[in-house]
PDB file of N, CA and C in Angstrom:
ATOM      1  N   UNK A   1       5.133 -31.512 -21.026  1.00  0.00           N
ATOM      2  CA  UNK A   1       3.887 -32.267 -20.732  1.00  0.00           C
ATOM      3  C   UNK A   1       3.724 -32.279 -19.163  1.00  0.00           C
ATOM      4  N   UNK A   2       4.832 -32.380 -18.453  1.00  0.00           N
ATOM      5  CA  UNK A   2       4.749 -32.408 -17.019  1.00  0.00           C
ATOM      6  C   UNK A   2       4.193 -31.069 -16.452  1.00  0.00           C
ATOM      7  N   UNK A   3       4.709 -30.011 -17.025  1.00  0.00           N
ATOM      8  CA  UNK A   3       4.282 -28.672 -16.547  1.00  0.00           C
ATOM      9  C   UNK A   3       2.819 -28.448 -16.922  1.00  0.00           C
ATOM     10  N   UNK A   4       2.403 -28.906 -18.063  1.00  0.00           N
ATOM     11  CA  UNK A   4       0.988 -28.830 -18.400  1.00  0.00           C
ATOM     12  C   UNK A   4       0.105 -29.656 -17.424  1.00  0.00           C
ATOM     13  N   UNK A   5       0.548 -30.824 -17.006  1.00  0.00           N
ATOM     14  CA  UNK A   5      -0.135 -31.636 -16.043  1.00  0.00           C
ATOM     15  C   UNK A   5      -0.267 -30.921 -14.638  1.00  0.00           C
ATOM     16  N   UNK A   6       0.829 -30.194 -14.305  1.00  0.00           N
ATOM     17  CA  UNK A   6       0.761 -29.401 -13.126  1.00  0.00           C
ATOM     18  C   UNK A   6      -0.231 -28.248 -13.237  1.00  0.00           C
ATOM     19  N   UNK A   7      -0.328 -27.685 -14.330  1.00  0.00           N
ATOM     20  CA  UNK A   7      -1.328 -26.575 -14.496  1.00  0.00           C
ATOM     21  C   UNK A   7      -2.767 -27.141 -14.394  1.00  0.00           C
ATOM     22  N   UNK A   8      -2.947 -28.302 -15.050  1.00  0.00           N
ATOM     23  CA  UNK A   8      -4.295 -28.900 -14.976  1.00  0.00           C
ATOM     24  C   UNK A   8      -4.598 -29.261 -13.528  1.00  0.00           C
ATOM     25  N   UNK A   9      -3.609 -29.821 -12.781  1.00  0.00           N
ATOM     26  CA  UNK A   9      -3.769 -30.181 -11.395  1.00  0.00           C
ATOM     27  C   UNK A   9      -4.149 -29.014 -10.531  1.00  0.00           C
ATOM     28  N   UNK A  10      -3.520 -27.855 -10.857  1.00  0.00           N
ATOM     29  CA  UNK A  10      -3.840 -26.632 -10.108  1.00  0.00           C
ATOM     30  C   UNK A  10      -5.274 -26.209 -10.350  1.00  0.00           C
ATOM     31  N   UNK A  11      -5.701 -26.347 -11.578  1.00  0.00           N
ATOM     32  CA  UNK A  11      -7.132 -25.908 -11.853  1.00  0.00           C
ATOM     33  C   UNK A  11      -8.099 -26.943 -11.205  1.00  0.00           C
ATOM     34  N   UNK A  12      -7.757 -28.197 -11.205  1.00  0.00           N
ATOM     35  CA  UNK A  12      -8.550 -29.261 -10.534  1.00  0.00           C
ATOM     36  C   UNK A  12      -8.627 -28.899  -9.058  1.00  0.00           C
ATOM     37  N   UNK A  13      -7.575 -28.516  -8.415  1.00  0.00           N
ATOM     38  CA  UNK A  13      -7.450 -28.120  -7.003  1.00  0.00           C
ATOM     39  C   UNK A  13      -8.430 -26.976  -6.768  1.00  0.00           C
ATOM     40  N   UNK A  14      -8.415 -25.928  -7.659  1.00  0.00           N
ATOM     41  CA  UNK A  14      -9.344 -24.846  -7.500  1.00  0.00           C
ATOM     42  C   UNK A  14     -10.783 -25.265  -7.604  1.00  0.00           C
ATOM     43  N   UNK A  15     -11.078 -26.179  -8.515  1.00  0.00           N
ATOM     44  CA  UNK A  15     -12.445 -26.696  -8.728  1.00  0.00           C
ATOM     45  C   UNK A  15     -12.876 -27.470  -7.531  1.00  0.00           C
ATOM     46  N   UNK A  16     -11.968 -28.286  -7.011  1.00  0.00           N
ATOM     47  CA  UNK A  16     -12.378 -29.043  -5.785  1.00  0.00           C
ATOM     48  C   UNK A  16     -12.638 -28.148  -4.597  1.00  0.00           C
ATOM     49  N   UNK A  17     -11.858 -27.028  -4.527  1.00  0.00           N
ATOM     50  CA  UNK A  17     -12.059 -26.070  -3.415  1.00  0.00           C
ATOM     51  C   UNK A  17     -13.449 -25.415  -3.596  1.00  0.00           C
ATOM     52  N   UNK A  18     -13.765 -25.036  -4.809  1.00  0.00           N
ATOM     53  CA  UNK A  18     -15.041 -24.493  -5.036  1.00  0.00           C
ATOM     54  C   UNK A  18     -16.197 -25.421  -4.740  1.00  0.00           C
ATOM     55  N   UNK A  19     -15.999 -26.722  -5.136  1.00  0.00           N
ATOM     56  CA  UNK A  19     -17.071 -27.685  -4.908  1.00  0.00           C
ATOM     57  C   UNK A  19     -17.247 -27.897  -3.377  1.00  0.00           C
ATOM     58  N   UNK A  20     -16.116 -27.963  -2.615  1.00  0.00           N
ATOM     59  CA  UNK A  20     -16.219 -28.124  -1.234  1.00  0.00           C
ATOM     60  C   UNK A  20     -16.928 -26.937  -0.529  1.00  0.00           C
ATOM     61  N   UNK A  21     -16.557 -25.756  -0.972  1.00  0.00           N
ATOM     62  CA  UNK A  21     -17.165 -24.641  -0.365  1.00  0.00           C
ATOM     63  C   UNK A  21     -18.634 -24.507  -0.767  1.00  0.00           C
ATOM     64  N   UNK A  22     -18.964 -24.844  -1.946  1.00  0.00           N
ATOM     65  CA  UNK A  22     -20.365 -24.763  -2.399  1.00  0.00           C
ATOM     66  C   UNK A  22     -21.226 -25.845  -1.619  1.00  0.00           C
ATOM     67  N   UNK A  23     -20.650 -26.908  -1.196  1.00  0.00           N
ATOM     68  CA  UNK A  23     -21.402 -27.873  -0.547  1.00  0.00           C
ATOM     69  C   UNK A  23     -21.557 -27.576   0.954  1.00  0.00           C
ATOM     70  N   UNK A  24     -20.886 -26.567   1.444  1.00  0.00           N
ATOM     71  CA  UNK A  24     -20.965 -26.172   2.836  1.00  0.00           C
ATOM     72  C   UNK A  24     -21.920 -24.927   2.949  1.00  0.00           C
ATOM     73  N   UNK A  25     -22.981 -25.139   3.747  1.00  0.00           N
ATOM     74  CA  UNK A  25     -23.975 -24.088   3.841  1.00  0.00           C
ATOM     75  C   UNK A  25     -23.538 -22.927   4.746  1.00  0.00           C
ATOM     76  N   UNK A  26     -22.860 -23.307   5.900  1.00  0.00           N
ATOM     77  CA  UNK A  26     -22.442 -22.323   6.860  1.00  0.00           C
ATOM     78  C   UNK A  26     -21.254 -21.507   6.344  1.00  0.00           C
ATOM     79  N   UNK A  27     -21.364 -20.221   6.082  1.00  0.00           N
ATOM     80  CA  UNK A  27     -20.303 -19.428   5.476  1.00  0.00           C
ATOM     81  C   UNK A  27     -19.015 -19.445   6.163  1.00  0.00           C
ATOM     82  N   UNK A  28     -18.962 -19.386   7.472  1.00  0.00           N
ATOM     83  CA  UNK A  28     -17.547 -19.377   8.129  1.00  0.00           C
ATOM     84  C   UNK A  28     -16.848 -20.718   7.826  1.00  0.00           C
ATOM     85  N   UNK A  29     -17.578 -21.782   7.586  1.00  0.00           N
ATOM     86  CA  UNK A  29     -16.894 -23.062   7.310  1.00  0.00           C
ATOM     87  C   UNK A  29     -16.470 -23.165   5.782  1.00  0.00           C
ATOM     88  N   UNK A  30     -16.940 -22.202   5.037  1.00  0.00           N
ATOM     89  CA  UNK A  30     -16.516 -22.167   3.598  1.00  0.00           C
ATOM     90  C   UNK A  30     -15.101 -21.602   3.519  1.00  0.00           C
ATOM     91  N   UNK A  31     -14.754 -20.699   4.416  1.00  0.00           N
ATOM     92  CA  UNK A  31     -13.468 -19.986   4.313  1.00  0.00           C
ATOM     93  C   UNK A  31     -12.264 -21.005   4.266  1.00  0.00           C
ATOM     94  N   UNK A  32     -12.254 -22.111   5.069  1.00  0.00           N
ATOM     95  CA  UNK A  32     -11.050 -22.953   4.899  1.00  0.00           C
ATOM     96  C   UNK A  32     -11.019 -23.582   3.529  1.00  0.00           C
ATOM     97  N   UNK A  33     -12.111 -23.919   2.914  1.00  0.00           N
ATOM     98  CA  UNK A  33     -12.124 -24.460   1.537  1.00  0.00           C
ATOM     99  C   UNK A  33     -11.463 -23.475   0.584  1.00  0.00           C
ATOM    100  N   UNK A  34     -11.956 -22.219   0.728  1.00  0.00           N
ATOM    101  CA  UNK A  34     -11.443 -21.237  -0.201  1.00  0.00           C
ATOM    102  C   UNK A  34      -9.956 -20.912   0.013  1.00  0.00           C
ATOM    103  N   UNK A  35      -9.595 -20.772   1.169  1.00  0.00           N
ATOM    104  CA  UNK A  35      -8.159 -20.374   1.555  1.00  0.00           C
ATOM    105  C   UNK A  35      -7.230 -21.580   1.154  1.00  0.00           C
ATOM    106  N   UNK A  36      -7.478 -22.754   1.615  1.00  0.00           N
ATOM    107  CA  UNK A  36      -6.583 -23.840   1.393  1.00  0.00           C
ATOM    108  C   UNK A  36      -6.586 -24.263  -0.081  1.00  0.00           C
ATOM    109  N   UNK A  37      -7.721 -24.383  -0.678  1.00  0.00           N
ATOM    110  CA  UNK A  37      -7.802 -24.859  -2.092  1.00  0.00           C
ATOM    111  C   UNK A  37      -7.313 -23.774  -3.031  1.00  0.00           C
ATOM    112  N   UNK A  38      -7.600 -22.521  -2.746  1.00  0.00           N
ATOM    113  CA  UNK A  38      -7.214 -21.446  -3.688  1.00  0.00           C
ATOM    114  C   UNK A  38      -5.717 -21.259  -3.560  1.00  0.00           C
ATOM    115  N   UNK A  39      -5.180 -21.229  -2.369  1.00  0.00           N
ATOM    116  CA  UNK A  39      -3.703 -21.018  -2.235  1.00  0.00           C
ATOM    117  C   UNK A  39      -2.906 -22.184  -2.781  1.00  0.00           C
ATOM    118  N   UNK A  40      -3.387 -23.364  -2.566  1.00  0.00           N
ATOM    119  CA  UNK A  40      -2.687 -24.533  -3.053  1.00  0.00           C
ATOM    120  C   UNK A  40      -2.819 -24.524  -4.603  1.00  0.00           C
ATOM    121  N   UNK A  41      -3.971 -24.310  -5.198  1.00  0.00           N
ATOM    122  CA  UNK A  41      -4.190 -24.297  -6.583  1.00  0.00           C
ATOM    123  C   UNK A  41      -3.363 -23.275  -7.323  1.00  0.00           C
ATOM    124  N   UNK A  42      -3.451 -22.059  -6.773  1.00  0.00           N
ATOM    125  CA  UNK A  42      -2.700 -20.980  -7.355  1.00  0.00           C
ATOM    126  C   UNK A  42      -1.204 -21.179  -7.249  1.00  0.00           C
ATOM    127  N   UNK A  43      -0.739 -21.773  -6.091  1.00  0.00           N
ATOM    128  CA  UNK A  43       0.719 -22.066  -5.996  1.00  0.00           C
ATOM    129  C   UNK A  43       1.186 -23.126  -7.017  1.00  0.00           C
ATOM    130  N   UNK A  44       0.355 -24.161  -7.226  1.00  0.00           N
ATOM    131  CA  UNK A  44       0.764 -25.168  -8.244  1.00  0.00           C
ATOM    132  C   UNK A  44       0.789 -24.564  -9.655  1.00  0.00           C
ATOM    133  N   UNK A  45      -0.247 -23.728  -9.892  1.00  0.00           N
ATOM    134  CA  UNK A  45      -0.328 -23.127 -11.287  1.00  0.00           C
ATOM    135  C   UNK A  45       0.853 -22.113 -11.464  1.00  0.00           C
ATOM    136  N   UNK A  46       1.108 -21.319 -10.428  1.00  0.00           N
ATOM    137  CA  UNK A  46       2.268 -20.389 -10.498  1.00  0.00           C
ATOM    138  C   UNK A  46       3.615 -21.066 -10.668  1.00  0.00           C
ATOM    139  N   UNK A  47       3.754 -22.163  -9.969  1.00  0.00           N
ATOM    140  CA  UNK A  47       4.963 -22.932 -10.100  1.00  0.00           C
ATOM    141  C   UNK A  47       5.170 -23.470 -11.506  1.00  0.00           C
ATOM    142  N   UNK A  48       4.097 -24.044 -12.000  1.00  0.00           N
ATOM    143  CA  UNK A  48       4.130 -24.615 -13.391  1.00  0.00           C
ATOM    144  C   UNK A  48       4.415 -23.577 -14.454  1.00  0.00           C
ATOM    145  N   UNK A  49       3.744 -22.414 -14.314  1.00  0.00           N
ATOM    146  CA  UNK A  49       3.970 -21.292 -15.286  1.00  0.00           C
ATOM    147  C   UNK A  49       5.356 -20.771 -15.190  1.00  0.00           C
ATOM    148  N   UNK A  50       5.875 -20.694 -13.890  1.00  0.00           N
ATOM    149  CA  UNK A  50       7.215 -20.164 -13.695  1.00  0.00           C
ATOM    150  C   UNK A  50       8.215 -21.162 -14.345  1.00  0.00           C
ATOM    151  N   UNK A  51       8.053 -22.395 -14.116  1.00  0.00           N
ATOM    152  CA  UNK A  51       8.921 -23.469 -14.742  1.00  0.00           C
ATOM    153  C   UNK A  51       8.844 -23.468 -16.225  1.00  0.00           C
ATOM    154  N   UNK A  52       7.629 -23.186 -16.719  1.00  0.00           N
ATOM    155  CA  UNK A  52       7.474 -23.058 -18.240  1.00  0.00           C
ATOM    156  C   UNK A  52       8.183 -21.934 -18.848  1.00  0.00           C
ATOM    157  N   UNK A  53       8.140 -20.788 -18.119  1.00  0.00           N
ATOM    158  CA  UNK A  53       8.801 -19.598 -18.499  1.00  0.00           C
ATOM    159  C   UNK A  53      10.342 -19.821 -18.535  1.00  0.00           C
ATOM    160  N   UNK A  54      10.848 -20.447 -17.486  1.00  0.00           N
ATOM    161  CA  UNK A  54      12.254 -20.772 -17.480  1.00  0.00           C
ATOM    162  C   UNK A  54      12.660 -21.663 -18.598  1.00  0.00           C
ATOM    163  N   UNK A  55      11.880 -22.628 -18.875  1.00  0.00           N
ATOM    164  CA  UNK A  55      12.098 -23.609 -19.969  1.00  0.00           C
ATOM    165  C   UNK A  55      12.190 -22.887 -21.266  1.00  0.00           C
ATOM    166  N   UNK A  56      11.154 -22.043 -21.511  1.00  0.00           N
ATOM    167  CA  UNK A  56      11.182 -21.292 -22.774  1.00  0.00           C
ATOM    168  C   UNK A  56      12.328 -20.390 -22.927  1.00  0.00           C
ATOM    169  N   UNK A  57      12.781 -19.759 -21.784  1.00  0.00           N
ATOM    170  CA  UNK A  57      13.892 -18.849 -21.838  1.00  0.00           C
ATOM    171  C   UNK A  57      15.189 -19.568 -22.172  1.00  0.00           C
ATOM    172  N   UNK A  58      15.343 -20.805 -21.618  1.00  0.00           N
ATOM    173  CA  UNK A  58      16.513 -21.529 -21.920  1.00  0.00           C
ATOM    174  C   UNK A  58      16.541 -22.066 -23.337  1.00  0.00           C
ATOM    175  N   UNK A  59      15.381 -22.432 -23.860  1.00  0.00           N
ATOM    176  CA  UNK A  59      15.321 -22.797 -25.329  1.00  0.00           C
ATOM    177  C   UNK A  59      15.688 -21.636 -26.220  1.00  0.00           C
ATOM    178  N   UNK A  60      15.203 -20.452 -25.892  1.00  0.00           N
ATOM    179  CA  UNK A  60      15.539 -19.334 -26.746  1.00  0.00           C
ATOM    180  C   UNK A  60      17.006 -18.999 -26.637  1.00  0.00           C
ATOM    181  N   UNK A  61      17.571 -19.090 -25.403  1.00  0.00           N
ATOM    182  CA  UNK A  61      18.968 -18.857 -25.279  1.00  0.00           C
ATOM    183  C   UNK A  61      19.820 -19.867 -26.023  1.00  0.00           C
ATOM    184  N   UNK A  62      19.408 -21.114 -26.037  1.00  0.00           N
ATOM    185  CA  UNK A  62      20.169 -22.155 -26.783  1.00  0.00           C
ATOM    186  C   UNK A  62      20.065 -21.894 -28.293  1.00  0.00           C
ATOM    187  N   UNK A  63      18.947 -21.459 -28.825  1.00  0.00           N
ATOM    188  CA  UNK A  63      18.756 -21.072 -30.179  1.00  0.00           C
ATOM    189  C   UNK A  63      19.714 -19.915 -30.515  1.00  0.00           C
ATOM    190  N   UNK A  64      19.745 -18.927 -29.657  1.00  0.00           N
ATOM    191  CA  UNK A  64      20.560 -17.728 -29.877  1.00  0.00           C
ATOM    192  C   UNK A  64      22.037 -18.122 -29.883  1.00  0.00           C
ATOM    193  N   UNK A  65      22.444 -19.024 -28.962  1.00  0.00           N
ATOM    194  CA  UNK A  65      23.877 -19.481 -29.016  1.00  0.00           C
ATOM    195  C   UNK A  65      24.161 -20.230 -30.265  1.00  0.00           C
ATOM    196  N   UNK A  66      23.281 -21.048 -30.751  1.00  0.00           N
ATOM    197  CA  UNK A  66      23.536 -21.779 -32.016  1.00  0.00           C
ATOM    198  C   UNK A  66      23.739 -20.776 -33.198  1.00  0.00           C
ATOM    199  N   UNK A  67      22.889 -19.718 -33.206  1.00  0.00           N
ATOM    200  CA  UNK A  67      23.007 -18.757 -34.280  1.00  0.00           C
ATOM    201  C   UNK A  67      24.267 -18.004 -34.212  1.00  0.00           C
ATOM    202  N   UNK A  68      24.709 -17.625 -33.013  1.00  0.00           N
ATOM    203  CA  UNK A  68      25.963 -16.888 -32.871  1.00  0.00           C
ATOM    204  C   UNK A  68      27.109 -17.794 -33.275  1.00  0.00           C
ATOM    205  N   UNK A  69      27.052 -19.073 -32.848  1.00  0.00           N
ATOM    206  CA  UNK A  69      28.161 -20.004 -33.264  1.00  0.00           C
ATOM    207  C   UNK A  69      28.278 -20.144 -34.750  1.00  0.00           C
ATOM    208  N   UNK A  70      27.117 -20.224 -35.373  1.00  0.00           N
ATOM    209  CA  UNK A  70      27.105 -20.356 -36.842  1.00  0.00           C
ATOM    210  C   UNK A  70      27.719 -19.016 -37.555  1.00  0.00           C
ATOM    211  N   UNK A  71      27.325 -17.892 -36.909  1.00  0.00           N
ATOM    212  CA  UNK A  71      27.892 -16.662 -37.416  1.00  0.00           C
ATOM    213  C   UNK A  71      29.395 -16.565 -37.246  1.00  0.00           C
ATOM    214  N   UNK A  72      29.890 -17.029 -36.063  1.00  0.00           N
ATOM    215  CA  UNK A  72      31.284 -17.022 -35.854  1.00  0.00           C
ATOM    216  C   UNK A  72      32.003 -17.999 -36.772  1.00  0.00           C
ATOM    217  N   UNK A  73      31.443 -19.182 -36.967  1.00  0.00           N
ATOM    218  CA  UNK A  73      31.978 -20.178 -37.956  1.00  0.00           C
ATOM    219  C   UNK A  73      32.060 -19.618 -39.306  1.00  0.00           C
ATOM    220  N   UNK A  74      31.045 -18.949 -39.835  1.00  0.00           N
ATOM    221  CA  UNK A  74      30.988 -18.302 -41.061  1.00  0.00           C
ATOM    222  C   UNK A  74      32.068 -17.194 -41.229  1.00  0.00           C
ATOM    223  N   UNK A  75      32.296 -16.403 -40.163  1.00  0.00           N
ATOM    224  CA  UNK A  75      33.227 -15.372 -40.170  1.00  0.00           C
ATOM    225  C   UNK A  75      34.633 -15.930 -40.212  1.00  0.00           C
ATOM    226  N   UNK A  76      34.879 -17.008 -39.525  1.00  0.00           N
ATOM    227  CA  UNK A  76      36.259 -17.688 -39.571  1.00  0.00           C
ATOM    228  C   UNK A  76      36.474 -18.212 -40.949  1.00  0.00           C
ATOM    229  N   UNK A  77      35.519 -18.903 -41.570  1.00  0.00           N
ATOM    230  CA  UNK A  77      35.647 -19.347 -42.960  1.00  0.00           C
ATOM    231  C   UNK A  77      35.983 -18.286 -43.985  1.00  0.00           C
ATOM    232  N   UNK A  78      35.224 -17.205 -43.813  1.00  0.00           N
ATOM    233  CA  UNK A  78      35.423 -15.995 -44.688  1.00  0.00           C
ATOM    234  C   UNK A  78      36.883 -15.442 -44.458  1.00  0.00           C
ATOM    235  N   UNK A  79      37.320 -15.352 -43.262  1.00  0.00           N
ATOM    236  CA  UNK A  79      38.659 -14.853 -43.024  1.00  0.00           C
ATOM    237  C   UNK A  79      39.700 -15.797 -43.580  1.00  0.00           C
ATOM    238  N   UNK A  80      39.525 -17.053 -43.421  1.00  0.00           N
ATOM    239  CA  UNK A  80      40.485 -17.960 -44.039  1.00  0.00           C
ATOM    240  C   UNK A  80      40.499 -17.966 -45.593  1.00  0.00           C
ATOM    241  N   UNK A  81      39.359 -17.729 -46.178  1.00  0.00           N
ATOM    242  CA  UNK A  81      39.304 -17.639 -47.615  1.00  0.00           C
ATOM    243  C   UNK A  81      40.051 -16.364 -48.073  1.00  0.00           C
ATOM    244  N   UNK A  82      39.802 -15.295 -47.327  1.00  0.00           N
ATOM    245  CA  UNK A  82      40.549 -14.032 -47.724  1.00  0.00           C
ATOM    246  C   UNK A  82      42.052 -14.214 -47.548  1.00  0.00           C
ATOM    247  N   UNK A  83      42.486 -14.836 -46.494  1.00  0.00           N
ATOM    248  CA  UNK A  83      43.897 -15.061 -46.256  1.00  0.00           C
ATOM    249  C   UNK A  83      44.519 -15.906 -47.364  1.00  0.00           C
ATOM    250  N   UNK A  84      43.752 -16.987 -47.732  1.00  0.00           N
ATOM    251  CA  UNK A  84      44.323 -17.868 -48.803  1.00  0.00           C
ATOM    252  C   UNK A  84      44.423 -17.259 -50.157  1.00  0.00           C
ATOM    253  N   UNK A  85      43.413 -16.277 -50.390  1.00  0.00           N
ATOM    254  CA  UNK A  85      43.598 -15.588 -51.682  1.00  0.00           C
ATOM    255  C   UNK A  85      44.685 -14.586 -51.680  1.00  0.00           C
ATOM    256  N   UNK A  86      44.951 -13.938 -50.566  1.00  0.00           N
ATOM    257  CA  UNK A  86      46.044 -13.032 -50.459  1.00  0.00           C
ATOM    258  C   UNK A  86      47.380 -13.750 -50.490  1.00  0.00           C
ATOM    259  N   UNK A  87      47.426 -14.889 -49.889  1.00  0.00           N
ATOM    260  CA  UNK A  87      48.705 -15.678 -49.881  1.00  0.00           C
ATOM    261  C   UNK A  87      48.992 -16.286 -51.269  1.00  0.00           C
ATOM    262  N   UNK A  88      47.924 -16.503 -52.057  1.00  0.00           N
ATOM    263  CA  UNK A  88      48.101 -17.034 -53.384  1.00  0.00           C
ATOM    264  C   UNK A  88      48.554 -16.091 -54.366  1.00  0.00           C
ATOM    265  N   UNK A  89      48.412 -14.781 -54.096  1.00  0.00           N
ATOM    266  CA  UNK A  89      48.849 -13.711 -55.060  1.00  0.00           C
ATOM    267  C   UNK A  89      50.283 -13.564 -55.098  1.00  0.00           C
TER     268      UNK A  89
END
């Protein structure tokens, strides 16, 4: 939710930059609005998307580790069953 709020904040920043530039008639004075607002908005959006990507990667890694641990646990149980059957003979 926090990363989603950052993405929204980045788009709001882009919108405010657009609004400020549109309200300025003299073109050279529009440049600071575009540069500062666009760079700040894109930086916030990029940071949020990068954080989201890291978060999703960690979740996928955790799921993979859980699956591998379950597989190892099942293999150990199967090995113990085979050993107990051989020892019982």
